[in-house]
Amino acid sequence: MSENVWTQEEVEQIKDRILAALETVIDPELGVDIVNLGLIYEISFEDNGHTEVKMTLTTMGCPLADILTDQIHEALQEVPEVNEVEVKLVWFPAWSVDKMSRYARIALGIR
């Protein structure tokens, strides 16, 4: 399989679609998507379709890691350029309520 060579603009568009797909992954405990919760720290996309998602969880012992990882893999199947997904959990910087979007704060009643 030959590798595609994407322009920087195309890569940014693909990453936008990846981010949009990740917005469909809902944290089952909080009922808000992982993007608006501020759990996604970084997305990298390589020419061969390998996509790495660096994310954190609200707490280190969060039992949802496997569920969310599975949902991320499922959501990114909707992005045709993505053919391999790697989810990496990171703990630095630590997640805090400050990372949540205004939408998530309103949805959860946090000021």
Protein backbone atom coordinates (compact mmCIF):
# COMPACT_ATOMS: atom_id res chain seq x y z
CA MET A 1 0.00 0.00 0.00
CA SER A 2 1.50 3.32 -0.99
CA GLU A 3 1.57 6.13 1.50
CA ASN A 4 -0.45 9.24 0.86
CA VAL A 5 1.23 12.56 1.10
CA TRP A 6 -1.12 15.09 2.61
CA THR A 7 -0.63 18.83 2.55
CA GLN A 8 -0.54 20.55 5.93
CA GLU A 9 -3.98 21.97 5.18
CA GLU A 10 -5.37 18.50 4.42
CA VAL A 11 -3.86 17.11 7.62
CA GLU A 12 -5.52 19.92 9.61
CA GLN A 13 -8.87 19.10 7.94
CA ILE A 14 -8.44 15.40 8.77
CA LYS A 15 -7.57 16.28 12.38
CA ASP A 16 -10.71 18.44 12.54
CA ARG A 17 -12.77 15.45 11.38
CA ILE A 18 -11.01 13.24 13.95
CA LEU A 19 -11.87 15.77 16.66
CA ALA A 20 -15.49 15.88 15.45
CA ALA A 21 -15.64 12.07 15.61
CA LEU A 22 -14.23 12.16 19.14
CA GLU A 23 -17.05 14.51 20.13
CA THR A 24 -19.40 11.54 19.63
CA VAL A 25 -17.64 9.66 22.46
CA ILE A 26 -19.67 10.38 25.58
CA ASP A 27 -18.36 9.82 29.09
CA PRO A 28 -21.04 7.46 30.48
CA GLU A 29 -20.74 8.82 34.02
CA LEU A 30 -20.96 12.51 33.14
CA GLY A 31 -23.01 12.42 29.93
CA VAL A 32 -20.68 14.89 28.17
CA ASP A 33 -18.31 14.13 25.30
CA ILE A 34 -14.59 13.61 25.97
CA VAL A 35 -13.56 16.63 23.86
CA ASN A 36 -15.68 19.13 25.79
CA LEU A 37 -14.59 17.51 29.06
CA GLY A 38 -11.03 18.44 28.08
CA LEU A 39 -9.80 14.85 28.15
CA ILE A 40 -8.18 14.99 24.67
CA TYR A 41 -4.69 16.46 24.95
CA GLU A 42 -3.24 15.81 21.50
CA ILE A 43 -4.08 14.22 18.15
CA SER A 44 -1.38 13.23 15.71
CA PHE A 45 -2.06 11.92 12.21
CA GLU A 46 0.62 10.41 9.98
CA ASP A 47 0.57 10.05 6.20
CA ASN A 48 0.00 6.29 6.47
CA GLY A 49 -3.24 6.84 8.41
CA HIS A 50 -1.76 6.02 11.83
CA THR A 51 -3.52 8.20 14.36
CA GLU A 52 -2.45 8.70 17.94
CA VAL A 53 -4.80 10.17 20.50
CA LYS A 54 -3.25 11.36 23.76
CA MET A 55 -5.87 11.69 26.42
CA THR A 56 -6.33 11.67 30.14
CA LEU A 57 -9.11 10.65 32.47
CA THR A 58 -10.81 12.66 35.19
CA THR A 59 -9.19 10.42 37.82
CA MET A 60 -6.28 7.97 37.70
CA GLY A 61 -8.34 4.99 38.83
CA CYS A 62 -11.20 5.74 36.44
CA PRO A 63 -12.85 2.42 35.51
CA LEU A 64 -13.95 3.80 32.12
CA ALA A 65 -10.55 3.71 30.40
CA ASP A 66 -11.29 0.55 28.39
CA ILE A 67 -14.83 1.61 27.51
CA LEU A 68 -13.69 5.03 26.29
CA THR A 69 -10.77 3.53 24.35
CA ASP A 70 -13.16 1.13 22.60
CA GLN A 71 -15.54 3.99 21.80
CA ILE A 72 -12.66 6.06 20.39
CA HIS A 73 -11.63 3.20 18.08
CA GLU A 74 -15.26 2.85 16.96
CA ALA A 75 -15.75 6.60 16.41
CA LEU A 76 -12.58 6.96 14.34
CA GLN A 77 -13.74 4.25 11.93
CA GLU A 78 -15.97 7.04 10.55
CA VAL A 79 -12.88 8.97 9.35
CA PRO A 80 -11.80 7.25 6.11
CA GLU A 81 -8.18 8.47 6.25
CA VAL A 82 -7.65 6.83 9.66
CA ASN A 83 -6.64 3.19 9.38
CA GLU A 84 -4.85 2.59 12.68
CA VAL A 85 -5.65 4.10 16.07
CA GLU A 86 -3.46 4.22 19.14
CA VAL A 87 -4.88 5.69 22.35
CA LYS A 88 -2.29 6.76 24.90
CA LEU A 89 -3.31 7.67 28.42
CA VAL A 90 -1.26 10.49 29.89
CA TRP A 91 -1.40 11.89 33.40
CA PHE A 92 0.54 15.12 32.92
CA PRO A 93 -0.68 17.72 33.01
CA ALA A 94 -3.27 16.43 35.43
CA TRP A 95 -6.88 16.95 34.37
CA SER A 96 -8.87 19.58 36.19
CA VAL A 97 -12.24 21.25 35.78
CA ASP A 98 -10.38 24.16 34.15
CA LYS A 99 -9.86 21.99 31.03
CA MET A 100 -13.61 21.68 30.43
CA SER A 101 -15.29 23.76 27.75
CA ARG A 102 -17.94 26.31 28.63
CA TYR A 103 -20.51 23.89 27.16
CA ALA A 104 -19.41 21.08 29.51
CA ARG A 105 -19.48 23.37 32.54
CA ILE A 106 -23.02 24.50 31.72
CA ALA A 107 -24.16 20.92 31.06
CA LEU A 108 -22.78 19.80 34.42
CA GLY A 109 -23.87 22.90 36.36
CA ILE A 110 -20.30 23.99 37.17
CA ARG A 111 -19.44 27.68 37.36
